[in-house]
């Protein structure tokens, strides 16, 4: 599967994220040129979960660095955000 972009609402704003599918069934989430994290479907194939950081390989990209002073929204992959991203991935595939 090819790389694609999704948009999610984040507070009062909308974010564009790049999604990089992997052969392992994971979807890497790219934000501002870095790997923010990855998600995958749980065993029930209905619920999305965050891939633990120690299982994630960035590959050719650096890991995203949080910077509260930067002129961008700082996104965190909590359960609600993972669910919204998963819904958008389902819509795309």
PDB file of N, CA and C in Angstrom:
ATOM      1  N   UNK A   1       0.846  -1.175   0.000  1.00  0.00           N
ATOM      2  CA  UNK A   1       0.000   0.000   0.000  1.00  0.00           C
ATOM      3  C   UNK A   1       0.890   1.236   0.000  1.00  0.00           C
ATOM      4  N   UNK A   2       0.448   2.261  -0.681  1.00  0.00           N
ATOM      5  CA  UNK A   2       1.212   3.495  -0.807  1.00  0.00           C
ATOM      6  C   UNK A   2       0.986   4.432   0.377  1.00  0.00           C
ATOM      7  N   UNK A   3       1.898   5.356   0.530  1.00  0.00           N
ATOM      8  CA  UNK A   3       1.783   6.413   1.526  1.00  0.00           C
ATOM      9  C   UNK A   3       0.579   7.288   1.182  1.00  0.00           C
ATOM     10  N   UNK A   4      -0.141   7.759   2.208  1.00  0.00           N
ATOM     11  CA  UNK A   4      -1.279   8.646   1.983  1.00  0.00           C
ATOM     12  C   UNK A   4      -1.406   9.638   3.133  1.00  0.00           C
ATOM     13  N   UNK A   5      -2.168  10.688   2.919  1.00  0.00           N
ATOM     14  CA  UNK A   5      -2.398  11.713   3.940  1.00  0.00           C
ATOM     15  C   UNK A   5      -3.813  11.615   4.468  1.00  0.00           C
ATOM     16  N   UNK A   6      -3.959  11.949   5.745  1.00  0.00           N
ATOM     17  CA  UNK A   6      -5.275  12.045   6.368  1.00  0.00           C
ATOM     18  C   UNK A   6      -5.350  13.372   7.098  1.00  0.00           C
ATOM     19  N   UNK A   7      -6.558  13.789   7.411  1.00  0.00           N
ATOM     20  CA  UNK A   7      -6.775  14.979   8.228  1.00  0.00           C
ATOM     21  C   UNK A   7      -7.621  14.578   9.412  1.00  0.00           C
ATOM     22  N   UNK A   8      -7.233  15.082  10.585  1.00  0.00           N
ATOM     23  CA  UNK A   8      -8.031  14.838  11.781  1.00  0.00           C
ATOM     24  C   UNK A   8      -8.254  16.155  12.500  1.00  0.00           C
ATOM     25  N   UNK A   9      -9.371  16.253  13.179  1.00  0.00           N
ATOM     26  CA  UNK A   9      -9.617  17.401  14.029  1.00  0.00           C
ATOM     27  C   UNK A   9      -8.814  17.228  15.303  1.00  0.00           C
ATOM     28  N   UNK A  10      -8.182  18.298  15.728  1.00  0.00           N
ATOM     29  CA  UNK A  10      -7.386  18.272  16.954  1.00  0.00           C
ATOM     30  C   UNK A  10      -7.704  19.553  17.702  1.00  0.00           C
ATOM     31  N   UNK A  11      -8.611  19.451  18.675  1.00  0.00           N
ATOM     32  CA  UNK A  11      -9.106  20.652  19.328  1.00  0.00           C
ATOM     33  C   UNK A  11      -9.916  21.446  18.319  1.00  0.00           C
ATOM     34  N   UNK A  12      -9.623  22.713  18.190  1.00  0.00           N
ATOM     35  CA  UNK A  12     -10.326  23.565  17.227  1.00  0.00           C
ATOM     36  C   UNK A  12      -9.597  23.609  15.892  1.00  0.00           C
ATOM     37  N   UNK A  13      -8.562  22.825  15.745  1.00  0.00           N
ATOM     38  CA  UNK A  13      -7.747  22.848  14.537  1.00  0.00           C
ATOM     39  C   UNK A  13      -7.861  21.533  13.784  1.00  0.00           C
ATOM     40  N   UNK A  14      -7.310  21.525  12.584  1.00  0.00           N
ATOM     41  CA  UNK A  14      -7.260  20.315  11.776  1.00  0.00           C
ATOM     42  C   UNK A  14      -5.798  20.047  11.435  1.00  0.00           C
ATOM     43  N   UNK A  15      -5.390  18.807  11.603  1.00  0.00           N
ATOM     44  CA  UNK A  15      -4.018  18.406  11.314  1.00  0.00           C
ATOM     45  C   UNK A  15      -3.974  17.500  10.100  1.00  0.00           C
ATOM     46  N   UNK A  16      -2.946  17.656   9.299  1.00  0.00           N
ATOM     47  CA  UNK A  16      -2.684  16.732   8.208  1.00  0.00           C
ATOM     48  C   UNK A  16      -1.531  15.839   8.639  1.00  0.00           C
ATOM     49  N   UNK A  17      -1.753  14.546   8.580  1.00  0.00           N
ATOM     50  CA  UNK A  17      -0.736  13.557   8.940  1.00  0.00           C
ATOM     51  C   UNK A  17      -0.467  12.671   7.737  1.00  0.00           C
ATOM     52  N   UNK A  18       0.761  12.278   7.574  1.00  0.00           N
ATOM     53  CA  UNK A  18       1.122  11.340   6.524  1.00  0.00           C
ATOM     54  C   UNK A  18       1.159   9.950   7.136  1.00  0.00           C
ATOM     55  N   UNK A  19       0.552   8.994   6.461  1.00  0.00           N
ATOM     56  CA  UNK A  19       0.469   7.619   6.942  1.00  0.00           C
ATOM     57  C   UNK A  19       1.316   6.732   6.036  1.00  0.00           C
ATOM     58  N   UNK A  20       2.215   5.990   6.653  1.00  0.00           N
ATOM     59  CA  UNK A  20       3.120   5.099   5.939  1.00  0.00           C
ATOM     60  C   UNK A  20       2.815   3.659   6.362  1.00  0.00           C
ATOM     61  N   UNK A  21       2.061   2.909   5.553  1.00  0.00           N
ATOM     62  CA  UNK A  21       1.767   1.509   5.894  1.00  0.00           C
ATOM     63  C   UNK A  21       3.048   0.670   5.837  1.00  0.00           C
ATOM     64  N   UNK A  22       3.131  -0.324   6.728  1.00  0.00           N
ATOM     65  CA  UNK A  22       4.282  -1.224   6.737  1.00  0.00           C
ATOM     66  C   UNK A  22       3.811  -2.642   6.437  1.00  0.00           C
ATOM     67  N   UNK A  23       4.753  -3.500   6.119  1.00  0.00           N
ATOM     68  CA  UNK A  23       4.430  -4.898   5.833  1.00  0.00           C
ATOM     69  C   UNK A  23       3.942  -5.649   7.070  1.00  0.00           C
ATOM     70  N   UNK A  24       4.223  -5.115   8.260  1.00  0.00           N
ATOM     71  CA  UNK A  24       3.828  -5.775   9.507  1.00  0.00           C
ATOM     72  C   UNK A  24       2.411  -5.412   9.949  1.00  0.00           C
ATOM     73  N   UNK A  25       1.668  -4.673   9.124  1.00  0.00           N
ATOM     74  CA  UNK A  25       0.313  -4.285   9.490  1.00  0.00           C
ATOM     75  C   UNK A  25       0.257  -3.054  10.374  1.00  0.00           C
ATOM     76  N   UNK A  26       1.365  -2.367  10.467  1.00  0.00           N
ATOM     77  CA  UNK A  26       1.408  -1.133  11.232  1.00  0.00           C
ATOM     78  C   UNK A  26       1.282   0.053  10.293  1.00  0.00           C
ATOM     79  N   UNK A  27       0.858   1.177  10.842  1.00  0.00           N
ATOM     80  CA  UNK A  27       0.740   2.411  10.087  1.00  0.00           C
ATOM     81  C   UNK A  27       1.544   3.473  10.826  1.00  0.00           C
ATOM     82  N   UNK A  28       2.696   3.833  10.256  1.00  0.00           N
ATOM     83  CA  UNK A  28       3.525   4.872  10.858  1.00  0.00           C
ATOM     84  C   UNK A  28       2.877   6.225  10.600  1.00  0.00           C
ATOM     85  N   UNK A  29       2.917   7.063  11.603  1.00  0.00           N
ATOM     86  CA  UNK A  29       2.322   8.385  11.527  1.00  0.00           C
ATOM     87  C   UNK A  29       3.456   9.403  11.453  1.00  0.00           C
ATOM     88  N   UNK A  30       3.487  10.119  10.342  1.00  0.00           N
ATOM     89  CA  UNK A  30       4.541  11.091  10.089  1.00  0.00           C
ATOM     90  C   UNK A  30       3.976  12.492  10.297  1.00  0.00           C
ATOM     91  N   UNK A  31       4.670  13.284  11.079  1.00  0.00           N
ATOM     92  CA  UNK A  31       4.250  14.654  11.375  1.00  0.00           C
ATOM     93  C   UNK A  31       5.479  15.548  11.342  1.00  0.00           C
ATOM     94  N   UNK A  32       5.456  16.571  10.519  1.00  0.00           N
ATOM     95  CA  UNK A  32       6.574  17.493  10.345  1.00  0.00           C
ATOM     96  C   UNK A  32       7.883  16.759  10.096  1.00  0.00           C
ATOM     97  N   UNK A  33       7.842  15.777   9.203  1.00  0.00           N
ATOM     98  CA  UNK A  33       9.048  15.094   8.754  1.00  0.00           C
ATOM     99  C   UNK A  33       9.614  14.070   9.699  1.00  0.00           C
ATOM    100  N   UNK A  34       8.920  13.799  10.796  1.00  0.00           N
ATOM    101  CA  UNK A  34       9.404  12.814  11.754  1.00  0.00           C
ATOM    102  C   UNK A  34       8.331  11.790  12.081  1.00  0.00           C
ATOM    103  N   UNK A  35       8.759  10.637  12.560  1.00  0.00           N
ATOM    104  CA  UNK A  35       7.827   9.569  12.937  1.00  0.00           C
ATOM    105  C   UNK A  35       7.284   9.882  14.331  1.00  0.00           C
ATOM    106  N   UNK A  36       5.999  10.202  14.376  1.00  0.00           N
ATOM    107  CA  UNK A  36       5.329  10.502  15.643  1.00  0.00           C
ATOM    108  C   UNK A  36       5.059   9.226  16.420  1.00  0.00           C
ATOM    109  N   UNK A  37       4.792   8.156  15.703  1.00  0.00           N
ATOM    110  CA  UNK A  37       4.484   6.865  16.308  1.00  0.00           C
ATOM    111  C   UNK A  37       3.876   5.968  15.254  1.00  0.00           C
ATOM    112  N   UNK A  38       3.277   4.876  15.698  1.00  0.00           N
ATOM    113  CA  UNK A  38       2.610   3.963  14.775  1.00  0.00           C
ATOM    114  C   UNK A  38       1.409   3.369  15.487  1.00  0.00           C
ATOM    115  N   UNK A  39       0.411   2.976  14.686  1.00  0.00           N
ATOM    116  CA  UNK A  39      -0.758   2.296  15.232  1.00  0.00           C
ATOM    117  C   UNK A  39      -1.014   1.035  14.421  1.00  0.00           C
ATOM    118  N   UNK A  40      -1.807   0.153  15.002  1.00  0.00           N
ATOM    119  CA  UNK A  40      -2.188  -1.088  14.328  1.00  0.00           C
ATOM    120  C   UNK A  40      -3.535  -1.525  14.880  1.00  0.00           C
ATOM    121  N   UNK A  41      -4.186  -2.393  14.126  1.00  0.00           N
ATOM    122  CA  UNK A  41      -5.443  -2.966  14.605  1.00  0.00           C
ATOM    123  C   UNK A  41      -5.145  -4.017  15.662  1.00  0.00           C
ATOM    124  N   UNK A  42      -5.964  -4.034  16.701  1.00  0.00           N
ATOM    125  CA  UNK A  42      -5.836  -5.084  17.709  1.00  0.00           C
ATOM    126  C   UNK A  42      -6.338  -6.393  17.122  1.00  0.00           C
ATOM    127  N   UNK A  43      -6.227  -7.459  17.866  1.00  0.00           N
ATOM    128  CA  UNK A  43      -6.600  -8.792  17.390  1.00  0.00           C
ATOM    129  C   UNK A  43      -8.064  -8.869  16.952  1.00  0.00           C
ATOM    130  N   UNK A  44      -8.934  -8.038  17.531  1.00  0.00           N
ATOM    131  CA  UNK A  44     -10.357  -8.070  17.153  1.00  0.00           C
ATOM    132  C   UNK A  44     -10.618  -7.407  15.799  1.00  0.00           C
ATOM    133  N   UNK A  45      -9.593  -6.805  15.193  1.00  0.00           N
ATOM    134  CA  UNK A  45      -9.690  -6.115  13.900  1.00  0.00           C
ATOM    135  C   UNK A  45     -10.722  -4.993  13.892  1.00  0.00           C
ATOM    136  N   UNK A  46     -11.036  -4.453  15.064  1.00  0.00           N
ATOM    137  CA  UNK A  46     -11.979  -3.338  15.151  1.00  0.00           C
ATOM    138  C   UNK A  46     -11.416  -2.163  15.932  1.00  0.00           C
ATOM    139  N   UNK A  47     -10.501  -2.437  16.839  1.00  0.00           N
ATOM    140  CA  UNK A  47      -9.964  -1.419  17.720  1.00  0.00           C
ATOM    141  C   UNK A  47      -8.514  -1.122  17.356  1.00  0.00           C
ATOM    142  N   UNK A  48      -8.179   0.161  17.323  1.00  0.00           N
ATOM    143  CA  UNK A  48      -6.813   0.563  17.015  1.00  0.00           C
ATOM    144  C   UNK A  48      -6.024   0.753  18.304  1.00  0.00           C
ATOM    145  N   UNK A  49      -4.744   0.406  18.251  1.00  0.00           N
ATOM    146  CA  UNK A  49      -3.869   0.582  19.405  1.00  0.00           C
ATOM    147  C   UNK A  49      -2.557   1.205  18.954  1.00  0.00           C
ATOM    148  N   UNK A  50      -1.930   1.898  19.878  1.00  0.00           N
ATOM    149  CA  UNK A  50      -0.618   2.482  19.616  1.00  0.00           C
ATOM    150  C   UNK A  50       0.429   1.376  19.699  1.00  0.00           C
ATOM    151  N   UNK A  51       1.342   1.360  18.756  1.00  0.00           N
ATOM    152  CA  UNK A  51       2.457   0.418  18.795  1.00  0.00           C
ATOM    153  C   UNK A  51       3.430   0.929  19.858  1.00  0.00           C
ATOM    154  N   UNK A  52       3.828   0.071  20.803  1.00  0.00           N
ATOM    155  CA  UNK A  52       4.785   0.518  21.823  1.00  0.00           C
ATOM    156  C   UNK A  52       6.065   1.057  21.179  1.00  0.00           C
ATOM    157  N   UNK A  53       6.600   2.114  21.763  1.00  0.00           N
ATOM    158  CA  UNK A  53       7.776   2.766  21.196  1.00  0.00           C
ATOM    159  C   UNK A  53       8.955   1.817  21.019  1.00  0.00           C
ATOM    160  N   UNK A  54       9.100   0.841  21.905  1.00  0.00           N
ATOM    161  CA  UNK A  54      10.241  -0.077  21.783  1.00  0.00           C
ATOM    162  C   UNK A  54      10.075  -1.085  20.642  1.00  0.00           C
ATOM    163  N   UNK A  55       8.888  -1.156  20.047  1.00  0.00           N
ATOM    164  CA  UNK A  55       8.654  -2.018  18.888  1.00  0.00           C
ATOM    165  C   UNK A  55       8.707  -1.248  17.572  1.00  0.00           C
ATOM    166  N   UNK A  56       8.885   0.045  17.650  1.00  0.00           N
ATOM    167  CA  UNK A  56       8.803   0.914  16.478  1.00  0.00           C
ATOM    168  C   UNK A  56      10.192   1.220  15.928  1.00  0.00           C
ATOM    169  N   UNK A  57      10.335   1.052  14.620  1.00  0.00           N
ATOM    170  CA  UNK A  57      11.565   1.432  13.936  1.00  0.00           C
ATOM    171  C   UNK A  57      11.253   2.595  13.001  1.00  0.00           C
ATOM    172  N   UNK A  58      12.019   3.650  13.124  1.00  0.00           N
ATOM    173  CA  UNK A  58      11.756   4.837  12.302  1.00  0.00           C
ATOM    174  C   UNK A  58      12.186   4.636  10.853  1.00  0.00           C
ATOM    175  N   UNK A  59      13.138   3.759  10.617  1.00  0.00           N
ATOM    176  CA  UNK A  59      13.623   3.562   9.250  1.00  0.00           C
ATOM    177  C   UNK A  59      14.467   4.739   8.818  1.00  0.00           C
ATOM    178  N   UNK A  60      14.181   5.279   7.642  1.00  0.00           N
ATOM    179  CA  UNK A  60      14.960   6.386   7.087  1.00  0.00           C
ATOM    180  C   UNK A  60      14.609   7.740   7.704  1.00  0.00           C
ATOM    181  N   UNK A  61      13.518   7.810   8.433  1.00  0.00           N
ATOM    182  CA  UNK A  61      13.067   9.077   8.995  1.00  0.00           C
ATOM    183  C   UNK A  61      13.492   9.212  10.453  1.00  0.00           C
ATOM    184  N   UNK A  62      13.686  10.434  10.923  1.00  0.00           N
ATOM    185  CA  UNK A  62      13.968  10.636  12.350  1.00  0.00           C
ATOM    186  C   UNK A  62      12.667  10.507  13.147  1.00  0.00           C
ATOM    187  N   UNK A  63      12.788  10.302  14.442  1.00  0.00           N
ATOM    188  CA  UNK A  63      11.612  10.353  15.296  1.00  0.00           C
ATOM    189  C   UNK A  63      11.219  11.816  15.492  1.00  0.00           C
ATOM    190  N   UNK A  64       9.928  12.063  15.593  1.00  0.00           N
ATOM    191  CA  UNK A  64       9.412  13.415  15.803  1.00  0.00           C
ATOM    192  C   UNK A  64       9.866  13.918  17.169  1.00  0.00           C
ATOM    193  N   UNK A  65      10.256  15.172  17.211  1.00  0.00           N
ATOM    194  CA  UNK A  65      10.648  15.801  18.474  1.00  0.00           C
ATOM    195  C   UNK A  65       9.582  16.811  18.880  1.00  0.00           C
ATOM    196  N   UNK A  66       9.037  16.627  20.055  1.00  0.00           N
ATOM    197  CA  UNK A  66       8.054  17.573  20.569  1.00  0.00           C
ATOM    198  C   UNK A  66       8.763  18.885  20.883  1.00  0.00           C
ATOM    199  N   UNK A  67       8.137  19.989  20.498  1.00  0.00           N
ATOM    200  CA  UNK A  67       8.717  21.308  20.723  1.00  0.00           C
ATOM    201  C   UNK A  67       7.578  22.276  21.000  1.00  0.00           C
ATOM    202  N   UNK A  68       7.379  22.580  22.268  1.00  0.00           N
ATOM    203  CA  UNK A  68       6.268  23.451  22.650  1.00  0.00           C
ATOM    204  C   UNK A  68       6.475  24.890  22.193  1.00  0.00           C
ATOM    205  N   UNK A  69       7.684  25.256  21.814  1.00  0.00           N
ATOM    206  CA  UNK A  69       7.957  26.615  21.361  1.00  0.00           C
ATOM    207  C   UNK A  69       7.808  26.760  19.843  1.00  0.00           C
ATOM    208  N   UNK A  70       7.632  25.656  19.141  1.00  0.00           N
ATOM    209  CA  UNK A  70       7.516  25.696  17.680  1.00  0.00           C
ATOM    210  C   UNK A  70       6.150  26.244  17.273  1.00  0.00           C
ATOM    211  N   UNK A  71       6.081  26.724  16.050  1.00  0.00           N
ATOM    212  CA  UNK A  71       4.843  27.294  15.518  1.00  0.00           C
ATOM    213  C   UNK A  71       4.009  26.193  14.863  1.00  0.00           C
ATOM    214  N   UNK A  72       3.627  25.190  15.643  1.00  0.00           N
ATOM    215  CA  UNK A  72       2.793  24.092  15.164  1.00  0.00           C
ATOM    216  C   UNK A  72       2.098  23.469  16.373  1.00  0.00           C
ATOM    217  N   UNK A  73       1.062  22.720  16.094  1.00  0.00           N
ATOM    218  CA  UNK A  73       0.365  22.015  17.163  1.00  0.00           C
ATOM    219  C   UNK A  73       1.221  20.839  17.620  1.00  0.00           C
ATOM    220  N   UNK A  74       1.229  20.583  18.890  1.00  0.00           N
ATOM    221  CA  UNK A  74       1.973  19.451  19.412  1.00  0.00           C
ATOM    222  C   UNK A  74       0.971  18.332  19.697  1.00  0.00           C
ATOM    223  N   UNK A  75       1.038  17.293  18.917  1.00  0.00           N
ATOM    224  CA  UNK A  75       0.074  16.197  18.993  1.00  0.00           C
ATOM    225  C   UNK A  75       0.651  15.054  19.831  1.00  0.00           C
ATOM    226  N   UNK A  76      -0.208  14.430  20.598  1.00  0.00           N
ATOM    227  CA  UNK A  76       0.174  13.283  21.421  1.00  0.00           C
ATOM    228  C   UNK A  76      -0.732  12.121  21.034  1.00  0.00           C
ATOM    229  N   UNK A  77      -0.157  10.944  20.894  1.00  0.00           N
ATOM    230  CA  UNK A  77      -0.938   9.761  20.508  1.00  0.00           C
ATOM    231  C   UNK A  77      -1.584   9.114  21.733  1.00  0.00           C
ATOM    232  N   UNK A  78      -2.620   9.779  22.261  1.00  0.00           N
ATOM    233  CA  UNK A  78      -3.401   9.168  23.329  1.00  0.00           C
ATOM    234  C   UNK A  78      -4.483   8.288  22.698  1.00  0.00           C
ATOM    235  N   UNK A  79      -5.262   7.601  23.509  1.00  0.00           N
ATOM    236  CA  UNK A  79      -6.264   6.659  22.988  1.00  0.00           C
ATOM    237  C   UNK A  79      -7.269   7.323  22.051  1.00  0.00           C
ATOM    238  N   UNK A  80      -7.722   8.526  22.402  1.00  0.00           N
ATOM    239  CA  UNK A  80      -8.711   9.211  21.566  1.00  0.00           C
ATOM    240  C   UNK A  80      -8.119   9.574  20.204  1.00  0.00           C
ATOM    241  N   UNK A  81      -6.899  10.061  20.194  1.00  0.00           N
ATOM    242  CA  UNK A  81      -6.246  10.441  18.941  1.00  0.00           C
ATOM    243  C   UNK A  81      -5.963   9.216  18.084  1.00  0.00           C
ATOM    244  N   UNK A  82      -5.522   8.131  18.716  1.00  0.00           N
ATOM    245  CA  UNK A  82      -5.285   6.876  17.983  1.00  0.00           C
ATOM    246  C   UNK A  82      -6.583   6.405  17.333  1.00  0.00           C
ATOM    247  N   UNK A  83      -7.688   6.507  18.048  1.00  0.00           N
ATOM    248  CA  UNK A  83      -8.983   6.108  17.493  1.00  0.00           C
ATOM    249  C   UNK A  83      -9.388   6.951  16.295  1.00  0.00           C
ATOM    250  N   UNK A  84      -9.190   8.273  16.394  1.00  0.00           N
ATOM    251  CA  UNK A  84      -9.539   9.162  15.267  1.00  0.00           C
ATOM    252  C   UNK A  84      -8.662   8.875  14.051  1.00  0.00           C
ATOM    253  N   UNK A  85      -7.375   8.664  14.283  1.00  0.00           N
ATOM    254  CA  UNK A  85      -6.473   8.344  13.178  1.00  0.00           C
ATOM    255  C   UNK A  85      -6.879   7.012  12.552  1.00  0.00           C
ATOM    256  N   UNK A  86      -7.184   6.026  13.381  1.00  0.00           N
ATOM    257  CA  UNK A  86      -7.625   4.720  12.881  1.00  0.00           C
ATOM    258  C   UNK A  86      -8.880   4.811  12.033  1.00  0.00           C
ATOM    259  N   UNK A  87      -9.840   5.640  12.463  1.00  0.00           N
ATOM    260  CA  UNK A  87     -11.062   5.832  11.675  1.00  0.00           C
ATOM    261  C   UNK A  87     -10.747   6.402  10.300  1.00  0.00           C
ATOM    262  N   UNK A  88      -9.840   7.361  10.252  1.00  0.00           N
ATOM    263  CA  UNK A  88      -9.466   7.953   8.963  1.00  0.00           C
ATOM    264  C   UNK A  88      -8.732   6.954   8.094  1.00  0.00           C
ATOM    265  N   UNK A  89      -7.893   6.117   8.694  1.00  0.00           N
ATOM    266  CA  UNK A  89      -7.208   5.067   7.917  1.00  0.00           C
ATOM    267  C   UNK A  89      -8.236   4.102   7.356  1.00  0.00           C
ATOM    268  N   UNK A  90      -9.208   3.695   8.179  1.00  0.00           N
ATOM    269  CA  UNK A  90     -10.273   2.799   7.684  1.00  0.00           C
ATOM    270  C   UNK A  90     -11.013   3.418   6.514  1.00  0.00           C
ATOM    271  N   UNK A  91     -11.270   4.712   6.580  1.00  0.00           N
ATOM    272  CA  UNK A  91     -11.964   5.387   5.485  1.00  0.00           C
ATOM    273  C   UNK A  91     -11.130   5.394   4.204  1.00  0.00           C
ATOM    274  N   UNK A  92      -9.829   5.464   4.372  1.00  0.00           N
ATOM    275  CA  UNK A  92      -8.946   5.533   3.220  1.00  0.00           C
ATOM    276  C   UNK A  92      -8.749   4.164   2.549  1.00  0.00           C
ATOM    277  N   UNK A  93      -8.660   3.133   3.373  1.00  0.00           N
ATOM    278  CA  UNK A  93      -8.403   1.800   2.810  1.00  0.00           C
ATOM    279  C   UNK A  93      -9.731   1.125   2.567  1.00  0.00           C
TER     280      UNK A  93
END
